């Protein structure tokens, strides 16, 4: 099964693709006496089909905001709801069971999402390039191997919106190129919120952008403007 093939587990869809709503969302927590703000009253509606670059300094809370949207982290206050099929945060492997093999985890996901488990496993085996490691316990995986498994499993399932966290930086140049190509193919019919340090990648595949700083989110309809804001924020000059 080729990496650019159709998503597995296709279900009858409503005409309305997924819309993501955040209403007055606040999230903060204290670690070691230091208070961290992920969101300060963020209100935003992300329309269907957009590919959105989520930018910000290291530690700004981008991954946490993805988890809030996915529902794997609970806001301190406010509401988040979605209409349609939303992926888990790709690259976040906390939902995989450490004692199960990679293959067993993939089969479990297929059953949860109503997909053909043999077909999904075949797709993940080809995409992830994990070889025999696919049949070893997940707890033995390196962080890169975990990301390959999570990314492959997510792209092998059909979602209206993909949440993607840095996984296109995993592996060698050939694997990164394949990952970008498959993701770009998925984005022809789905939206995404993508966290990546690869600004050139974000400019190629994203439509809009949002910059997170001290819990406040600034939205840009043009991803180039979001990248420009981010570069100024981190003191990074524009590459020629």
C-alpha atoms as a PDB file:
ATOM      1  CA  UNK A   1       0.000   0.000   0.000  1.00  0.00           C
ATOM      2  CA  UNK A   2       1.602   3.256  -1.084  1.00  0.00           C
ATOM      3  CA  UNK A   3       2.201   6.165   1.258  1.00  0.00           C
ATOM      4  CA  UNK A   4       0.013   8.407  -0.888  1.00  0.00           C
ATOM      5  CA  UNK A   5      -2.978   6.062  -0.908  1.00  0.00           C
ATOM      6  CA  UNK A   6      -6.410   6.916   0.456  1.00  0.00           C
ATOM      7  CA  UNK A   7      -6.951   7.240   4.188  1.00  0.00           C
ATOM      8  CA  UNK A   8      -8.283   4.120   5.839  1.00  0.00           C
ATOM      9  CA  UNK A   9     -11.413   3.828   7.926  1.00  0.00           C
ATOM     10  CA  UNK A  10     -13.485   6.153   5.749  1.00  0.00           C
ATOM     11  CA  UNK A  11     -16.933   6.755   7.246  1.00  0.00           C
ATOM     12  CA  UNK A  12     -19.970   8.535   5.934  1.00  0.00           C
ATOM     13  CA  UNK A  13     -19.245  12.210   6.523  1.00  0.00           C
ATOM     14  CA  UNK A  14     -21.591  15.096   7.121  1.00  0.00           C
ATOM     15  CA  UNK A  15     -21.406  17.840   4.496  1.00  0.00           C
ATOM     16  CA  UNK A  16     -19.959  20.134   7.156  1.00  0.00           C
ATOM     17  CA  UNK A  17     -16.231  19.571   7.697  1.00  0.00           C
ATOM     18  CA  UNK A  18     -14.784  20.034  11.149  1.00  0.00           C
ATOM     19  CA  UNK A  19     -14.905  23.467  12.780  1.00  0.00           C
ATOM     20  CA  UNK A  20     -12.906  24.110  15.967  1.00  0.00           C
ATOM     21  CA  UNK A  21     -14.297  26.562  18.532  1.00  0.00           C
ATOM     22  CA  UNK A  22     -12.469  28.039  21.527  1.00  0.00           C
ATOM     23  CA  UNK A  23     -14.454  30.328  23.824  1.00  0.00           C
ATOM     24  CA  UNK A  24     -12.667  32.288  26.563  1.00  0.00           C
ATOM     25  CA  UNK A  25     -10.218  29.412  27.094  1.00  0.00           C
ATOM     26  CA  UNK A  26      -7.747  29.773  29.954  1.00  0.00           C
ATOM     27  CA  UNK A  27      -5.085  27.288  31.001  1.00  0.00           C
ATOM     28  CA  UNK A  28      -2.381  27.830  33.611  1.00  0.00           C
ATOM     29  CA  UNK A  29      -0.441  25.621  35.973  1.00  0.00           C
ATOM     30  CA  UNK A  30       2.321  25.943  38.534  1.00  0.00           C
ATOM     31  CA  UNK A  31       5.490  23.813  38.517  1.00  0.00           C
ATOM     32  CA  UNK A  32       8.227  24.359  41.087  1.00  0.00           C
ATOM     33  CA  UNK A  33       6.667  27.630  42.170  1.00  0.00           C
ATOM     34  CA  UNK A  34       6.654  28.995  38.600  1.00  0.00           C
ATOM     35  CA  UNK A  35       3.284  29.775  37.039  1.00  0.00           C
ATOM     36  CA  UNK A  36       2.953  28.986  33.328  1.00  0.00           C
ATOM     37  CA  UNK A  37       0.196  30.360  31.127  1.00  0.00           C
ATOM     38  CA  UNK A  38      -0.800  28.391  28.049  1.00  0.00           C
ATOM     39  CA  UNK A  39      -3.955  30.393  27.325  1.00  0.00           C
ATOM     40  CA  UNK A  40      -5.401  33.637  28.680  1.00  0.00           C
ATOM     41  CA  UNK A  41      -9.027  33.899  27.602  1.00  0.00           C
ATOM     42  CA  UNK A  42      -8.496  32.746  24.000  1.00  0.00           C
ATOM     43  CA  UNK A  43     -11.609  32.969  21.819  1.00  0.00           C
ATOM     44  CA  UNK A  44     -11.263  31.700  18.257  1.00  0.00           C
ATOM     45  CA  UNK A  45     -13.143  29.770  15.587  1.00  0.00           C
ATOM     46  CA  UNK A  46     -10.997  27.860  13.096  1.00  0.00           C
ATOM     47  CA  UNK A  47     -13.011  27.244   9.918  1.00  0.00           C
ATOM     48  CA  UNK A  48     -13.016  23.939   8.051  1.00  0.00           C
ATOM     49  CA  UNK A  49     -10.262  22.958   5.651  1.00  0.00           C
ATOM     50  CA  UNK A  50      -7.584  25.425   6.743  1.00  0.00           C
ATOM     51  CA  UNK A  51      -3.994  24.377   7.375  1.00  0.00           C
ATOM     52  CA  UNK A  52      -2.818  26.513  10.308  1.00  0.00           C
ATOM     53  CA  UNK A  53       0.772  27.024  11.482  1.00  0.00           C
ATOM     54  CA  UNK A  54       0.945  27.334  15.276  1.00  0.00           C
ATOM     55  CA  UNK A  55       4.044  29.365  16.153  1.00  0.00           C
ATOM     56  CA  UNK A  56       5.718  30.650  19.296  1.00  0.00           C
ATOM     57  CA  UNK A  57       8.874  30.521  21.378  1.00  0.00           C
ATOM     58  CA  UNK A  58      10.075  27.260  22.888  1.00  0.00           C
ATOM     59  CA  UNK A  59       8.006  26.693  26.028  1.00  0.00           C
ATOM     60  CA  UNK A  60       5.191  29.004  24.937  1.00  0.00           C
ATOM     61  CA  UNK A  61       2.692  26.141  25.275  1.00  0.00           C
ATOM     62  CA  UNK A  62       2.057  25.182  21.641  1.00  0.00           C
ATOM     63  CA  UNK A  63       1.963  21.448  22.331  1.00  0.00           C
ATOM     64  CA  UNK A  64      -0.248  22.042  25.364  1.00  0.00           C
ATOM     65  CA  UNK A  65      -2.657  24.095  23.245  1.00  0.00           C
ATOM     66  CA  UNK A  66      -2.870  21.212  20.761  1.00  0.00           C
ATOM     67  CA  UNK A  67      -3.728  18.873  23.627  1.00  0.00           C
ATOM     68  CA  UNK A  68      -6.395  21.270  24.874  1.00  0.00           C
ATOM     69  CA  UNK A  69      -7.978  21.262  21.413  1.00  0.00           C
ATOM     70  CA  UNK A  70      -7.737  17.465  21.240  1.00  0.00           C
ATOM     71  CA  UNK A  71      -9.343  17.079  24.661  1.00  0.00           C
ATOM     72  CA  UNK A  72      -6.371  15.267  26.211  1.00  0.00           C
ATOM     73  CA  UNK A  73      -5.784  18.282  28.493  1.00  0.00           C
ATOM     74  CA  UNK A  74      -8.558  20.115  30.336  1.00  0.00           C
ATOM     75  CA  UNK A  75      -8.696  23.950  30.351  1.00  0.00           C
ATOM     76  CA  UNK A  76      -8.706  25.810  33.656  1.00  0.00           C
ATOM     77  CA  UNK A  77     -11.795  27.611  32.368  1.00  0.00           C
ATOM     78  CA  UNK A  78     -13.632  28.226  29.123  1.00  0.00           C
ATOM     79  CA  UNK A  79     -14.990  25.878  26.478  1.00  0.00           C
ATOM     80  CA  UNK A  80     -13.561  23.996  23.484  1.00  0.00           C
ATOM     81  CA  UNK A  81     -15.762  22.026  21.106  1.00  0.00           C
ATOM     82  CA  UNK A  82     -15.488  20.627  17.615  1.00  0.00           C
ATOM     83  CA  UNK A  83     -17.832  19.576  14.832  1.00  0.00           C
ATOM     84  CA  UNK A  84     -16.476  16.615  12.869  1.00  0.00           C
ATOM     85  CA  UNK A  85     -13.585  14.141  13.139  1.00  0.00           C
ATOM     86  CA  UNK A  86     -10.435  15.401  14.882  1.00  0.00           C
ATOM     87  CA  UNK A  87      -7.165  13.472  15.210  1.00  0.00           C
ATOM     88  CA  UNK A  88      -5.239  13.043  18.425  1.00  0.00           C
ATOM     89  CA  UNK A  89      -2.063  15.201  18.586  1.00  0.00           C
ATOM     90  CA  UNK A  90       0.261  13.397  16.172  1.00  0.00           C
ATOM     91  CA  UNK A  91       3.630  13.031  17.891  1.00  0.00           C
ATOM     92  CA  UNK A  92       1.925  12.707  21.277  1.00  0.00           C
ATOM     93  CA  UNK A  93       2.129   8.997  22.037  1.00  0.00           C
ATOM     94  CA  UNK A  94       0.650   9.017  25.532  1.00  0.00           C
ATOM     95  CA  UNK A  95      -2.339   6.976  24.375  1.00  0.00           C
ATOM     96  CA  UNK A  96      -0.186   3.992  23.353  1.00  0.00           C
ATOM     97  CA  UNK A  97       0.165   1.119  25.825  1.00  0.00           C
ATOM     98  CA  UNK A  98       3.775   0.425  26.736  1.00  0.00           C
ATOM     99  CA  UNK A  99       3.400  -3.331  27.177  1.00  0.00           C
ATOM    100  CA  UNK A 100       1.688  -3.841  23.812  1.00  0.00           C
ATOM    101  CA  UNK A 101       3.739  -4.058  20.650  1.00  0.00           C
ATOM    102  CA  UNK A 102       3.548  -1.281  18.086  1.00  0.00           C
ATOM    103  CA  UNK A 103       1.459  -3.579  15.886  1.00  0.00           C
ATOM    104  CA  UNK A 104      -0.951  -4.357  18.708  1.00  0.00           C
ATOM    105  CA  UNK A 105      -1.360  -0.646  19.440  1.00  0.00           C
ATOM    106  CA  UNK A 106      -2.119   0.018  15.770  1.00  0.00           C
ATOM    107  CA  UNK A 107      -4.721  -2.755  15.666  1.00  0.00           C
ATOM    108  CA  UNK A 108      -6.351  -1.341  18.800  1.00  0.00           C
ATOM    109  CA  UNK A 109      -6.559   2.134  17.222  1.00  0.00           C
ATOM    110  CA  UNK A 110      -8.082   0.667  14.067  1.00  0.00           C
ATOM    111  CA  UNK A 111     -10.864  -0.941  16.092  1.00  0.00           C
ATOM    112  CA  UNK A 112     -11.528   2.264  18.041  1.00  0.00           C
ATOM    113  CA  UNK A 113     -11.899   4.267  14.812  1.00  0.00           C
ATOM    114  CA  UNK A 114     -13.769   1.600  12.866  1.00  0.00           C
ATOM    115  CA  UNK A 115     -10.967   0.903  10.390  1.00  0.00           C
ATOM    116  CA  UNK A 116      -9.726  -2.370   8.912  1.00  0.00           C
ATOM    117  CA  UNK A 117      -6.930  -3.363  11.314  1.00  0.00           C
ATOM    118  CA  UNK A 118      -4.983  -5.425   8.746  1.00  0.00           C
ATOM    119  CA  UNK A 119      -5.040  -2.571   6.240  1.00  0.00           C
ATOM    120  CA  UNK A 120      -4.009   0.027   8.809  1.00  0.00           C
ATOM    121  CA  UNK A 121      -1.178  -2.160  10.080  1.00  0.00           C
ATOM    122  CA  UNK A 122       0.101  -2.686   6.532  1.00  0.00           C
ATOM    123  CA  UNK A 123       0.028   1.075   5.941  1.00  0.00           C
ATOM    124  CA  UNK A 124       1.857   1.869   9.187  1.00  0.00           C
ATOM    125  CA  UNK A 125       4.467  -0.844   8.565  1.00  0.00           C
ATOM    126  CA  UNK A 126       5.317   0.639   5.170  1.00  0.00           C
ATOM    127  CA  UNK A 127       5.151   4.269   6.229  1.00  0.00           C
ATOM    128  CA  UNK A 128       6.999   4.067   9.554  1.00  0.00           C
ATOM    129  CA  UNK A 129       9.887   1.881   8.323  1.00  0.00           C
ATOM    130  CA  UNK A 130      10.107   0.361  11.818  1.00  0.00           C
ATOM    131  CA  UNK A 131      10.749  -3.158  10.507  1.00  0.00           C
ATOM    132  CA  UNK A 132      10.930  -5.804  13.248  1.00  0.00           C
ATOM    133  CA  UNK A 133      10.587  -3.102  15.939  1.00  0.00           C
ATOM    134  CA  UNK A 134       6.898  -2.869  15.016  1.00  0.00           C
ATOM    135  CA  UNK A 135       6.472  -6.205  16.797  1.00  0.00           C
ATOM    136  CA  UNK A 136       8.377  -5.247  19.951  1.00  0.00           C
ATOM    137  CA  UNK A 137       6.825  -3.638  23.072  1.00  0.00           C
ATOM    138  CA  UNK A 138       6.133   0.064  22.653  1.00  0.00           C
ATOM    139  CA  UNK A 139       7.998   0.824  25.891  1.00  0.00           C
ATOM    140  CA  UNK A 140      11.257  -0.171  24.144  1.00  0.00           C
ATOM    141  CA  UNK A 141      10.855   2.490  21.425  1.00  0.00           C
ATOM    142  CA  UNK A 142      13.001   5.593  21.152  1.00  0.00           C
ATOM    143  CA  UNK A 143      11.198   8.952  20.930  1.00  0.00           C
ATOM    144  CA  UNK A 144      11.763   9.001  17.172  1.00  0.00           C
ATOM    145  CA  UNK A 145      10.287   5.525  16.739  1.00  0.00           C
ATOM    146  CA  UNK A 146       7.262   6.520  18.828  1.00  0.00           C
ATOM    147  CA  UNK A 147       6.696   9.548  16.610  1.00  0.00           C
ATOM    148  CA  UNK A 148       6.974   7.444  13.447  1.00  0.00           C
ATOM    149  CA  UNK A 149       4.363   5.024  14.771  1.00  0.00           C
ATOM    150  CA  UNK A 150       2.001   7.815  15.892  1.00  0.00           C
ATOM    151  CA  UNK A 151       2.375   9.767  12.647  1.00  0.00           C
ATOM    152  CA  UNK A 152       1.820   6.696  10.485  1.00  0.00           C
ATOM    153  CA  UNK A 153      -1.231   5.593  12.456  1.00  0.00           C
ATOM    154  CA  UNK A 154      -2.772   9.051  12.289  1.00  0.00           C
ATOM    155  CA  UNK A 155      -2.189   9.520   8.565  1.00  0.00           C
ATOM    156  CA  UNK A 156      -3.595   6.054   7.918  1.00  0.00           C
ATOM    157  CA  UNK A 157      -6.925   7.099   9.434  1.00  0.00           C
ATOM    158  CA  UNK A 158      -9.399   9.580   8.017  1.00  0.00           C
ATOM    159  CA  UNK A 159      -9.852  12.884   9.866  1.00  0.00           C
ATOM    160  CA  UNK A 160     -11.310  16.278   8.993  1.00  0.00           C
ATOM    161  CA  UNK A 161      -8.520  17.964  10.979  1.00  0.00           C
ATOM    162  CA  UNK A 162      -5.050  16.674  11.843  1.00  0.00           C
ATOM    163  CA  UNK A 163      -3.161  17.956  14.870  1.00  0.00           C
ATOM    164  CA  UNK A 164       0.559  17.675  14.053  1.00  0.00           C
ATOM    165  CA  UNK A 165       3.388  18.316  16.518  1.00  0.00           C
ATOM    166  CA  UNK A 166       6.934  18.357  15.077  1.00  0.00           C
ATOM    167  CA  UNK A 167       6.771  14.853  13.618  1.00  0.00           C
ATOM    168  CA  UNK A 168       8.017  15.916  10.185  1.00  0.00           C
ATOM    169  CA  UNK A 169      11.411  16.555  11.830  1.00  0.00           C
ATOM    170  CA  UNK A 170      11.837  12.849  12.673  1.00  0.00           C
ATOM    171  CA  UNK A 171      14.227  10.622  10.733  1.00  0.00           C
ATOM    172  CA  UNK A 172      16.627  11.173   7.859  1.00  0.00           C
ATOM    173  CA  UNK A 173      16.121  13.527   4.919  1.00  0.00           C
ATOM    174  CA  UNK A 174      14.379  10.869   2.814  1.00  0.00           C
ATOM    175  CA  UNK A 175      11.915  10.021   5.581  1.00  0.00           C
ATOM    176  CA  UNK A 176      11.204  13.707   6.263  1.00  0.00           C
ATOM    177  CA  UNK A 177      10.531  14.279   2.564  1.00  0.00           C
ATOM    178  CA  UNK A 178       8.146  11.309   2.494  1.00  0.00           C
ATOM    179  CA  UNK A 179       6.361  12.568   5.624  1.00  0.00           C
ATOM    180  CA  UNK A 180       5.875  16.018   4.117  1.00  0.00           C
ATOM    181  CA  UNK A 181       4.579  14.545   0.858  1.00  0.00           C
ATOM    182  CA  UNK A 182       2.029  12.328   2.612  1.00  0.00           C
ATOM    183  CA  UNK A 183       0.900  15.162   4.895  1.00  0.00           C
ATOM    184  CA  UNK A 184       0.517  17.501   1.905  1.00  0.00           C
ATOM    185  CA  UNK A 185      -1.611  14.875   0.184  1.00  0.00           C
ATOM    186  CA  UNK A 186      -3.882  14.577   3.224  1.00  0.00           C
ATOM    187  CA  UNK A 187      -4.263  18.356   3.372  1.00  0.00           C
ATOM    188  CA  UNK A 188      -5.914  18.382  -0.036  1.00  0.00           C
ATOM    189  CA  UNK A 189      -9.092  17.175   1.638  1.00  0.00           C
ATOM    190  CA  UNK A 190      -8.501  17.916   5.351  1.00  0.00           C
ATOM    191  CA  UNK A 191      -7.342  20.764   7.565  1.00  0.00           C
ATOM    192  CA  UNK A 192      -4.523  20.752  10.110  1.00  0.00           C
ATOM    193  CA  UNK A 193      -2.966  22.649  12.966  1.00  0.00           C
ATOM    194  CA  UNK A 194       0.791  22.161  12.685  1.00  0.00           C
ATOM    195  CA  UNK A 195       3.560  22.901  15.187  1.00  0.00           C
ATOM    196  CA  UNK A 196       7.019  22.830  13.615  1.00  0.00           C
ATOM    197  CA  UNK A 197      10.344  24.638  13.814  1.00  0.00           C
ATOM    198  CA  UNK A 198      10.585  24.200  10.043  1.00  0.00           C
ATOM    199  CA  UNK A 199       9.362  27.619   8.938  1.00  0.00           C
ATOM    200  CA  UNK A 200       9.952  26.846   5.261  1.00  0.00           C
ATOM    201  CA  UNK A 201       7.756  23.761   5.602  1.00  0.00           C
ATOM    202  CA  UNK A 202       4.995  25.776   7.284  1.00  0.00           C
ATOM    203  CA  UNK A 203       5.118  28.399   4.549  1.00  0.00           C
ATOM    204  CA  UNK A 204       4.781  25.679   1.900  1.00  0.00           C
ATOM    205  CA  UNK A 205       1.861  23.749   3.358  1.00  0.00           C
ATOM    206  CA  UNK A 206      -0.084  26.164   5.593  1.00  0.00           C
ATOM    207  CA  UNK A 207      -2.705  28.759   4.671  1.00  0.00           C
ATOM    208  CA  UNK A 208      -3.025  30.728   7.917  1.00  0.00           C
ATOM    209  CA  UNK A 209      -1.014  31.086  11.107  1.00  0.00           C
ATOM    210  CA  UNK A 210      -1.308  31.887  14.804  1.00  0.00           C
ATOM    211  CA  UNK A 211       1.411  33.040  17.195  1.00  0.00           C
ATOM    212  CA  UNK A 212       1.208  32.067  20.872  1.00  0.00           C
ATOM    213  CA  UNK A 213       2.989  34.301  23.390  1.00  0.00           C
ATOM    214  CA  UNK A 214       2.400  34.454  27.153  1.00  0.00           C
ATOM    215  CA  UNK A 215      -0.992  32.770  26.766  1.00  0.00           C
ATOM    216  CA  UNK A 216      -2.237  35.153  24.077  1.00  0.00           C
ATOM    217  CA  UNK A 217      -2.901  33.998  20.532  1.00  0.00           C
ATOM    218  CA  UNK A 218      -2.570  36.326  17.542  1.00  0.00           C
ATOM    219  CA  UNK A 219      -4.286  35.074  14.385  1.00  0.00           C
ATOM    220  CA  UNK A 220      -3.148  35.801  10.806  1.00  0.00           C
ATOM    221  CA  UNK A 221      -5.100  34.906   7.678  1.00  0.00           C
ATOM    222  CA  UNK A 222      -1.773  34.840   5.792  1.00  0.00           C
ATOM    223  CA  UNK A 223       0.808  32.356   7.087  1.00  0.00           C
ATOM    224  CA  UNK A 224       3.657  34.582   5.849  1.00  0.00           C
ATOM    225  CA  UNK A 225       2.559  37.342   8.227  1.00  0.00           C
ATOM    226  CA  UNK A 226       2.465  34.880  11.125  1.00  0.00           C
ATOM    227  CA  UNK A 227       5.988  33.690  10.292  1.00  0.00           C
ATOM    228  CA  UNK A 228       7.214  37.276  10.105  1.00  0.00           C
ATOM    229  CA  UNK A 229       5.742  37.962  13.583  1.00  0.00           C
ATOM    230  CA  UNK A 230       7.380  34.805  14.900  1.00  0.00           C
ATOM    231  CA  UNK A 231      10.791  35.742  13.464  1.00  0.00           C
ATOM    232  CA  UNK A 232      10.657  39.143  15.179  1.00  0.00           C
ATOM    233  CA  UNK A 233       9.572  37.486  18.404  1.00  0.00           C
ATOM    234  CA  UNK A 234      12.555  35.139  18.511  1.00  0.00           C
ATOM    235  CA  UNK A 235      15.040  37.575  16.931  1.00  0.00           C
ATOM    236  CA  UNK A 236      15.504  35.448  13.840  1.00  0.00           C
ATOM    237  CA  UNK A 237      16.297  37.302  10.591  1.00  0.00           C
ATOM    238  CA  UNK A 238      14.510  36.302   7.415  1.00  0.00           C
ATOM    239  CA  UNK A 239      16.563  33.926   5.328  1.00  0.00           C
ATOM    240  CA  UNK A 240      17.400  35.172   1.831  1.00  0.00           C
END
